Structure formats: C-alpha cells, structure tokens
PDB file of all heavy atoms in Angstrom:
ATOM      1  N   ASP A   1    -152.948  30.722 -51.977  1.00  0.00           N
ATOM      2  CA  ASP A   1    -154.151  31.509 -52.283  1.00  0.00           C
ATOM      3  C   ASP A   1    -153.984  32.973 -51.871  1.00  0.00           C
ATOM      4  O   ASP A   1    -154.893  33.603 -51.326  1.00  0.00           O
ATOM      5  CB  ASP A   1    -155.385  30.904 -51.606  1.00  0.00           C
ATOM      6  CG  ASP A   1    -156.690  31.398 -52.228  1.00  0.00           C
ATOM      7  OD1 ASP A   1    -156.682  31.765 -53.416  1.00  0.00           O
ATOM      8  OD2 ASP A   1    -157.721  31.417 -51.517  1.00  0.00           O
ATOM      9  N   VAL A   2    -152.791  33.507 -52.125  1.00  0.00           N
ATOM     10  CA  VAL A   2    -152.475  34.910 -51.856  1.00  0.00           C
ATOM     11  C   VAL A   2    -152.379  35.650 -53.183  1.00  0.00           C
ATOM     12  O   VAL A   2    -151.662  35.213 -54.087  1.00  0.00           O
ATOM     13  CB  VAL A   2    -151.147  35.038 -51.088  1.00  0.00           C
ATOM     14  CG1 VAL A   2    -150.708  36.491 -50.991  1.00  0.00           C
ATOM     15  CG2 VAL A   2    -151.281  34.425 -49.699  1.00  0.00           C
ATOM     16  N   LYS A   3    -153.089  36.754 -53.309  1.00  0.00           N
ATOM     17  CA  LYS A   3    -153.018  37.549 -54.529  1.00  0.00           C
ATOM     18  C   LYS A   3    -151.808  38.485 -54.480  1.00  0.00           C
ATOM     19  O   LYS A   3    -151.497  39.059 -53.441  1.00  0.00           O
ATOM     20  CB  LYS A   3    -154.292  38.379 -54.693  1.00  0.00           C
ATOM     21  CG  LYS A   3    -155.534  37.566 -55.010  1.00  0.00           C
ATOM     22  CD  LYS A   3    -156.733  38.479 -55.191  1.00  0.00           C
ATOM     23  CE  LYS A   3    -157.994  37.676 -55.520  1.00  0.00           C
ATOM     24  NZ  LYS A   3    -159.191  38.545 -55.677  1.00  0.00           N
ATOM     25  N   ILE A   4    -151.151  38.618 -55.630  1.00  0.00           N
ATOM     26  CA  ILE A   4    -150.127  39.646 -55.801  1.00  0.00           C
ATOM     27  C   ILE A   4    -150.720  40.715 -56.721  1.00  0.00           C
ATOM     28  O   ILE A   4    -151.174  40.410 -57.816  1.00  0.00           O
ATOM     29  CB  ILE A   4    -148.838  39.083 -56.403  1.00  0.00           C
ATOM     30  CG1 ILE A   4    -148.291  37.942 -55.533  1.00  0.00           C
ATOM     31  CG2 ILE A   4    -147.795  40.193 -56.541  1.00  0.00           C
ATOM     32  CD1 ILE A   4    -147.033  37.299 -56.085  1.00  0.00           C
ATOM     33  N   TRP A   5    -150.680  41.931 -56.255  1.00  0.00           N
ATOM     34  CA  TRP A   5    -151.334  43.020 -56.974  1.00  0.00           C
ATOM     35  C   TRP A   5    -150.327  43.809 -57.796  1.00  0.00           C
ATOM     36  O   TRP A   5    -149.311  44.279 -57.282  1.00  0.00           O
ATOM     37  CB  TRP A   5    -152.049  43.942 -55.998  1.00  0.00           C
ATOM     38  CG  TRP A   5    -153.242  43.282 -55.362  1.00  0.00           C
ATOM     39  CD1 TRP A   5    -153.239  42.385 -54.331  1.00  0.00           C
ATOM     40  CD2 TRP A   5    -154.601  43.441 -55.750  1.00  0.00           C
ATOM     41  NE1 TRP A   5    -154.517  41.977 -54.053  1.00  0.00           N
ATOM     42  CE2 TRP A   5    -155.384  42.610 -54.898  1.00  0.00           C
ATOM     43  CE3 TRP A   5    -155.253  44.204 -56.713  1.00  0.00           C
ATOM     44  CZ2 TRP A   5    -156.768  42.523 -54.994  1.00  0.00           C
ATOM     45  CZ3 TRP A   5    -156.636  44.125 -56.815  1.00  0.00           C
ATOM     46  CH2 TRP A   5    -157.374  43.297 -55.964  1.00  0.00           C
ATOM     47  N   GLY A   6    -150.615  43.951 -59.089  1.00  0.00           N
ATOM     48  CA  GLY A   6    -149.832  44.819 -59.949  1.00  0.00           C
ATOM     49  C   GLY A   6    -150.342  46.241 -59.810  1.00  0.00           C
ATOM     50  O   GLY A   6    -151.529  46.501 -59.995  1.00  0.00           O
ATOM     51  N   LEU A   7    -149.456  47.167 -59.493  1.00  0.00           N
ATOM     52  CA  LEU A   7    -149.850  48.527 -59.158  1.00  0.00           C
ATOM     53  C   LEU A   7    -149.796  49.465 -60.369  1.00  0.00           C
ATOM     54  O   LEU A   7    -148.862  49.395 -61.176  1.00  0.00           O
ATOM     55  CB  LEU A   7    -148.941  49.084 -58.068  1.00  0.00           C
ATOM     56  CG  LEU A   7    -148.940  48.341 -56.730  1.00  0.00           C
ATOM     57  CD1 LEU A   7    -147.960  49.007 -55.775  1.00  0.00           C
ATOM     58  CD2 LEU A   7    -150.340  48.294 -56.125  1.00  0.00           C
ATOM     59  N   LYS A   8    -150.767  50.331 -60.449  1.00  0.00           N
ATOM     60  CA  LYS A   8    -150.736  51.356 -61.487  1.00  0.00           C
ATOM     61  C   LYS A   8    -149.592  52.333 -61.200  1.00  0.00           C
ATOM     62  O   LYS A   8    -149.220  52.580 -60.048  1.00  0.00           O
ATOM     63  CB  LYS A   8    -152.065  52.103 -61.561  1.00  0.00           C
ATOM     64  CG  LYS A   8    -152.440  52.899 -60.338  1.00  0.00           C
ATOM     65  CD  LYS A   8    -153.782  53.581 -60.522  1.00  0.00           C
ATOM     66  CE  LYS A   8    -154.185  54.386 -59.294  1.00  0.00           C
ATOM     67  NZ  LYS A   8    -155.513  55.042 -59.473  1.00  0.00           N
ATOM     68  N   HIS A   9    -149.025  52.882 -62.281  1.00  0.00           N
ATOM     69  CA  HIS A   9    -147.904  53.800 -62.136  1.00  0.00           C
ATOM     70  C   HIS A   9    -147.679  54.539 -63.444  1.00  0.00           C
ATOM     71  O   HIS A   9    -148.183  54.139 -64.504  1.00  0.00           O
ATOM     72  CB  HIS A   9    -146.635  53.042 -61.742  1.00  0.00           C
ATOM     73  CG  HIS A   9    -146.261  51.961 -62.700  1.00  0.00           C
ATOM     74  ND1 HIS A   9    -146.810  50.697 -62.654  1.00  0.00           N
ATOM     75  CD2 HIS A   9    -145.392  51.946 -63.739  1.00  0.00           C
ATOM     76  CE1 HIS A   9    -146.302  49.956 -63.612  1.00  0.00           C
ATOM     77  NE2 HIS A   9    -145.441  50.694 -64.289  1.00  0.00           N
ATOM     78  N   SER A  10    -146.920  55.615 -63.384  1.00  0.00           N
ATOM     79  CA  SER A  10    -146.633  56.412 -64.568  1.00  0.00           C
ATOM     80  C   SER A  10    -145.457  55.828 -65.344  1.00  0.00           C
ATOM     81  O   SER A  10    -144.679  55.025 -64.822  1.00  0.00           O
ATOM     82  CB  SER A  10    -146.321  57.858 -64.168  1.00  0.00           C
ATOM     83  OG  SER A  10    -145.163  57.887 -63.346  1.00  0.00           O
ATOM     84  N   GLU A  11    -145.310  56.259 -66.572  1.00  0.00           N
ATOM     85  CA  GLU A  11    -144.287  55.702 -67.461  1.00  0.00           C
ATOM     86  C   GLU A  11    -142.878  55.990 -66.962  1.00  0.00           C
ATOM     87  O   GLU A  11    -141.979  55.159 -67.116  1.00  0.00           O
ATOM     88  CB  GLU A  11    -144.454  56.261 -68.871  1.00  0.00           C
ATOM     89  CG  GLU A  11    -143.469  55.706 -69.880  1.00  0.00           C
ATOM     90  CD  GLU A  11    -143.740  56.178 -71.289  1.00  0.00           C
ATOM     91  OE1 GLU A  11    -144.708  56.921 -71.491  1.00  0.00           O
ATOM     92  OE2 GLU A  11    -142.970  55.783 -72.190  1.00  0.00           O
ATOM     93  N   ASN A  12    -142.661  57.129 -66.362  1.00  0.00           N
ATOM     94  CA  ASN A  12    -141.316  57.530 -65.966  1.00  0.00           C
ATOM     95  C   ASN A  12    -141.057  57.362 -64.469  1.00  0.00           C
ATOM     96  O   ASN A  12    -140.150  57.976 -63.920  1.00  0.00           O
ATOM     97  CB  ASN A  12    -141.086  58.990 -66.361  1.00  0.00           C
ATOM     98  CG  ASN A  12    -141.179  59.200 -67.866  1.00  0.00           C
ATOM     99  OD1 ASN A  12    -140.600  58.446 -68.630  1.00  0.00           O
ATOM    100  ND2 ASN A  12    -141.916  60.217 -68.276  1.00  0.00           N
ATOM    101  N   TYR A  13    -141.833  56.509 -63.818  1.00  0.00           N
ATOM    102  CA  TYR A  13    -141.689  56.331 -62.376  1.00  0.00           C
ATOM    103  C   TYR A  13    -140.331  55.707 -62.027  1.00  0.00           C
ATOM    104  O   TYR A  13    -139.675  56.101 -61.081  1.00  0.00           O
ATOM    105  CB  TYR A  13    -142.831  55.454 -61.874  1.00  0.00           C
ATOM    106  CG  TYR A  13    -142.947  55.366 -60.372  1.00  0.00           C
ATOM    107  CD1 TYR A  13    -143.197  56.496 -59.602  1.00  0.00           C
ATOM    108  CD2 TYR A  13    -142.822  54.143 -59.721  1.00  0.00           C
ATOM    109  CE1 TYR A  13    -143.312  56.414 -58.231  1.00  0.00           C
ATOM    110  CE2 TYR A  13    -142.941  54.052 -58.344  1.00  0.00           C
ATOM    111  CZ  TYR A  13    -143.186  55.189 -57.604  1.00  0.00           C
ATOM    112  OH  TYR A  13    -143.293  55.101 -56.241  1.00  0.00           O
ATOM    113  N   PHE A  14    -139.892  54.727 -62.824  1.00  0.00           N
ATOM    114  CA  PHE A  14    -138.597  54.085 -62.639  1.00  0.00           C
ATOM    115  C   PHE A  14    -137.641  54.491 -63.754  1.00  0.00           C
ATOM    116  O   PHE A  14    -138.065  54.766 -64.876  1.00  0.00           O
ATOM    117  CB  PHE A  14    -138.732  52.560 -62.655  1.00  0.00           C
ATOM    118  CG  PHE A  14    -139.627  52.006 -61.589  1.00  0.00           C
ATOM    119  CD1 PHE A  14    -140.951  51.683 -61.875  1.00  0.00           C
ATOM    120  CD2 PHE A  14    -139.168  51.802 -60.303  1.00  0.00           C
ATOM    121  CE1 PHE A  14    -141.785  51.168 -60.898  1.00  0.00           C
ATOM    122  CE2 PHE A  14    -139.994  51.291 -59.313  1.00  0.00           C
ATOM    123  CZ  PHE A  14    -141.307  50.977 -59.619  1.00  0.00           C
ATOM    124  N   LYS A  15    -136.351  54.474 -63.437  1.00  0.00           N
ATOM    125  CA  LYS A  15    -135.328  54.736 -64.448  1.00  0.00           C
ATOM    126  C   LYS A  15    -134.506  53.475 -64.644  1.00  0.00           C
ATOM    127  O   LYS A  15    -133.966  52.916 -63.671  1.00  0.00           O
ATOM    128  CB  LYS A  15    -134.422  55.887 -64.016  1.00  0.00           C
ATOM    129  CG  LYS A  15    -133.341  56.233 -65.035  1.00  0.00           C
ATOM    130  CD  LYS A  15    -132.473  57.393 -64.556  1.00  0.00           C
ATOM    131  CE  LYS A  15    -131.368  57.703 -65.551  1.00  0.00           C
ATOM    132  NZ  LYS A  15    -130.502  58.823 -65.082  1.00  0.00           N
ATOM    133  N   TYR A  16    -134.388  53.017 -65.881  1.00  0.00           N
ATOM    134  CA  TYR A  16    -133.655  51.790 -66.189  1.00  0.00           C
ATOM    135  C   TYR A  16    -132.190  52.089 -66.483  1.00  0.00           C
ATOM    136  O   TYR A  16    -131.861  53.088 -67.145  1.00  0.00           O
ATOM    137  CB  TYR A  16    -134.283  51.094 -67.391  1.00  0.00           C
ATOM    138  CG  TYR A  16    -133.572  49.828 -67.803  1.00  0.00           C
ATOM    139  CD1 TYR A  16    -133.603  48.704 -66.995  1.00  0.00           C
ATOM    140  CD2 TYR A  16    -132.856  49.763 -68.997  1.00  0.00           C
ATOM    141  CE1 TYR A  16    -132.952  47.528 -67.357  1.00  0.00           C
ATOM    142  CE2 TYR A  16    -132.204  48.602 -69.375  1.00  0.00           C
ATOM    143  CZ  TYR A  16    -132.251  47.495 -68.550  1.00  0.00           C
ATOM    144  OH  TYR A  16    -131.595  46.349 -68.908  1.00  0.00           O
ATOM    145  N   GLN A  17    -131.308  51.218 -66.001  1.00  0.00           N
ATOM    146  CA  GLN A  17    -129.883  51.289 -66.303  1.00  0.00           C
ATOM    147  C   GLN A  17    -129.511  50.117 -67.217  1.00  0.00           C
ATOM    148  O   GLN A  17    -129.820  48.971 -66.901  1.00  0.00           O
ATOM    149  CB  GLN A  17    -129.054  51.201 -65.022  1.00  0.00           C
ATOM    150  CG  GLN A  17    -129.414  52.245 -63.973  1.00  0.00           C
ATOM    151  CD  GLN A  17    -128.538  52.095 -62.758  1.00  0.00           C
ATOM    152  OE1 GLN A  17    -127.438  52.656 -62.698  1.00  0.00           O
ATOM    153  NE2 GLN A  17    -128.996  51.353 -61.761  1.00  0.00           N
ATOM    154  N   GLU A  18    -128.847  50.397 -68.292  1.00  0.00           N
ATOM    155  CA  GLU A  18    -128.420  49.340 -69.202  1.00  0.00           C
ATOM    156  C   GLU A  18    -127.406  48.428 -68.507  1.00  0.00           C
ATOM    157  O   GLU A  18    -126.460  48.899 -67.883  1.00  0.00           O
ATOM    158  CB  GLU A  18    -127.799  49.925 -70.466  1.00  0.00           C
ATOM    159  CG  GLU A  18    -128.772  50.681 -71.356  1.00  0.00           C
ATOM    160  CD  GLU A  18    -129.797  49.768 -72.015  1.00  0.00           C
ATOM    161  OE1 GLU A  18    -129.508  48.552 -72.146  1.00  0.00           O
ATOM    162  OE2 GLU A  18    -130.873  50.262 -72.395  1.00  0.00           O
ATOM    163  N   VAL A  19    -127.633  47.114 -68.634  1.00  0.00           N
ATOM    164  CA  VAL A  19    -126.743  46.136 -68.000  1.00  0.00           C
ATOM    165  C   VAL A  19    -126.517  44.963 -68.945  1.00  0.00           C
ATOM    166  O   VAL A  19    -127.349  44.682 -69.812  1.00  0.00           O
ATOM    167  CB  VAL A  19    -127.341  45.611 -66.669  1.00  0.00           C
ATOM    168  CG1 VAL A  19    -127.415  46.711 -65.629  1.00  0.00           C
ATOM    169  CG2 VAL A  19    -128.704  44.977 -66.898  1.00  0.00           C
ATOM    170  N   PRO A  20    -125.412  44.239 -68.772  1.00  0.00           N
ATOM    171  CA  PRO A  20    -125.192  43.019 -69.554  1.00  0.00           C
ATOM    172  C   PRO A  20    -125.846  41.822 -68.881  1.00  0.00           C
ATOM    173  O   PRO A  20    -126.200  41.852 -67.699  1.00  0.00           O
ATOM    174  CB  PRO A  20    -123.668  42.878 -69.525  1.00  0.00           C
ATOM    175  CG  PRO A  20    -123.275  43.468 -68.192  1.00  0.00           C
ATOM    176  CD  PRO A  20    -124.250  44.602 -67.937  1.00  0.00           C
ATOM    177  N   ASN A  21    -126.023  40.763 -69.634  1.00  0.00           N
ATOM    178  CA  ASN A  21    -126.388  39.449 -69.079  1.00  0.00           C
ATOM    179  C   ASN A  21    -127.712  39.460 -68.312  1.00  0.00           C
ATOM    180  O   ASN A  21    -127.767  39.150 -67.121  1.00  0.00           O
ATOM    181  CB  ASN A  21    -125.278  38.935 -68.153  1.00  0.00           C
ATOM    182  CG  ASN A  21    -123.936  38.852 -68.833  1.00  0.00           C
ATOM    183  OD1 ASN A  21    -123.852  38.558 -70.015  1.00  0.00           O
ATOM    184  ND2 ASN A  21    -122.882  39.144 -68.082  1.00  0.00           N
ATOM    185  N   THR A  22    -128.792  39.802 -68.999  1.00  0.00           N
ATOM    186  CA  THR A  22    -130.088  39.755 -68.330  1.00  0.00           C
ATOM    187  C   THR A  22    -130.653  38.336 -68.380  1.00  0.00           C
ATOM    188  O   THR A  22    -130.347  37.553 -69.290  1.00  0.00           O
ATOM    189  CB  THR A  22    -131.093  40.716 -68.980  1.00  0.00           C
ATOM    190  OG1 THR A  22    -131.404  40.253 -70.305  1.00  0.00           O
ATOM    191  CG2 THR A  22    -130.539  42.134 -69.047  1.00  0.00           C
ATOM    192  N   ILE A  23    -131.491  38.018 -67.402  1.00  0.00           N
ATOM    193  CA  ILE A  23    -132.134  36.701 -67.377  1.00  0.00           C
ATOM    194  C   ILE A  23    -133.000  36.513 -68.613  1.00  0.00           C
ATOM    195  O   ILE A  23    -133.031  35.424 -69.207  1.00  0.00           O
ATOM    196  CB  ILE A  23    -132.964  36.543 -66.091  1.00  0.00           C
ATOM    197  CG1 ILE A  23    -132.038  36.516 -64.878  1.00  0.00           C
ATOM    198  CG2 ILE A  23    -133.803  35.274 -66.145  1.00  0.00           C
ATOM    199  CD1 ILE A  23    -132.775  36.526 -63.551  1.00  0.00           C
ATOM    200  N   TYR A  24    -133.696  37.552 -69.012  1.00  0.00           N
ATOM    201  CA  TYR A  24    -134.547  37.461 -70.204  1.00  0.00           C
ATOM    202  C   TYR A  24    -133.722  37.071 -71.430  1.00  0.00           C
ATOM    203  O   TYR A  24    -134.111  36.164 -72.185  1.00  0.00           O
ATOM    204  CB  TYR A  24    -135.253  38.791 -70.442  1.00  0.00           C
ATOM    205  CG  TYR A  24    -136.029  38.841 -71.737  1.00  0.00           C
ATOM    206  CD1 TYR A  24    -137.308  38.301 -71.814  1.00  0.00           C
ATOM    207  CD2 TYR A  24    -135.479  39.413 -72.884  1.00  0.00           C
ATOM    208  CE1 TYR A  24    -138.027  38.320 -73.015  1.00  0.00           C
ATOM    209  CE2 TYR A  24    -136.182  39.448 -74.072  1.00  0.00           C
ATOM    210  CZ  TYR A  24    -137.457  38.900 -74.137  1.00  0.00           C
ATOM    211  OH  TYR A  24    -138.150  38.927 -75.319  1.00  0.00           O
ATOM    212  N   GLU A  25    -132.607  37.726 -71.637  1.00  0.00           N
ATOM    213  CA  GLU A  25    -131.776  37.427 -72.806  1.00  0.00           C
ATOM    214  C   GLU A  25    -131.261  35.992 -72.764  1.00  0.00           C
ATOM    215  O   GLU A  25    -131.171  35.331 -73.799  1.00  0.00           O
ATOM    216  CB  GLU A  25    -130.602  38.416 -72.870  1.00  0.00           C
ATOM    217  CG  GLU A  25    -131.025  39.830 -73.212  1.00  0.00           C
ATOM    218  CD  GLU A  25    -129.903  40.833 -73.032  1.00  0.00           C
ATOM    219  OE1 GLU A  25    -128.891  40.497 -72.355  1.00  0.00           O
ATOM    220  OE2 GLU A  25    -130.023  41.949 -73.554  1.00  0.00           O
ATOM    221  N   ASP A  26    -130.944  35.515 -71.586  1.00  0.00           N
ATOM    222  CA  ASP A  26    -130.412  34.157 -71.449  1.00  0.00           C
ATOM    223  C   ASP A  26    -131.469  33.084 -71.685  1.00  0.00           C
ATOM    224  O   ASP A  26    -131.155  31.984 -72.154  1.00  0.00           O
ATOM    225  CB  ASP A  26    -129.810  33.963 -70.062  1.00  0.00           C
ATOM    226  CG  ASP A  26    -128.518  34.744 -69.879  1.00  0.00           C
ATOM    227  OD1 ASP A  26    -127.917  35.141 -70.902  1.00  0.00           O
ATOM    228  OD2 ASP A  26    -128.115  34.949 -68.721  1.00  0.00           O
ATOM    229  N   LYS A  27    -132.730  33.398 -71.359  1.00  0.00           N
ATOM    230  CA  LYS A  27    -133.735  32.347 -71.293  1.00  0.00           C
ATOM    231  C   LYS A  27    -134.897  32.476 -72.278  1.00  0.00           C
ATOM    232  O   LYS A  27    -135.714  31.556 -72.373  1.00  0.00           O
ATOM    233  CB  LYS A  27    -134.308  32.275 -69.877  1.00  0.00           C
ATOM    234  CG  LYS A  27    -133.308  31.832 -68.825  1.00  0.00           C
ATOM    235  CD  LYS A  27    -134.001  31.518 -67.516  1.00  0.00           C
ATOM    236  CE  LYS A  27    -133.055  30.933 -66.503  1.00  0.00           C
ATOM    237  NZ  LYS A  27    -133.756  30.478 -65.280  1.00  0.00           N
ATOM    238  N   VAL A  28    -134.998  33.579 -72.990  1.00  0.00           N
ATOM    239  CA  VAL A  28    -136.192  33.813 -73.805  1.00  0.00           C
ATOM    240  C   VAL A  28    -136.450  32.685 -74.798  1.00  0.00           C
ATOM    241  O   VAL A  28    -137.613  32.347 -75.082  1.00  0.00           O
ATOM    242  CB  VAL A  28    -136.096  35.177 -74.523  1.00  0.00           C
ATOM    243  CG1 VAL A  28    -134.914  35.221 -75.494  1.00  0.00           C
ATOM    244  CG2 VAL A  28    -137.407  35.508 -75.235  1.00  0.00           C
TER     245      VAL A  28
END
C-alpha cells in the first residue's frame, strides 16, 4: 500500500542513448 509518484518534468530533461537489445523489443 505504498504509492509510487510519477514526477512532472520537461521534454529534454533526460538524454537517451541508442542501445541494442532493449527489454521492450524482446518482450513487446
């Protein structure tokens, strides 16, 4: 019964690096 809070943020707050073999690609 613990809430996890999704935080507001700007579009460019994080920078993504292209990588191979993502979990999403393997499991979608």
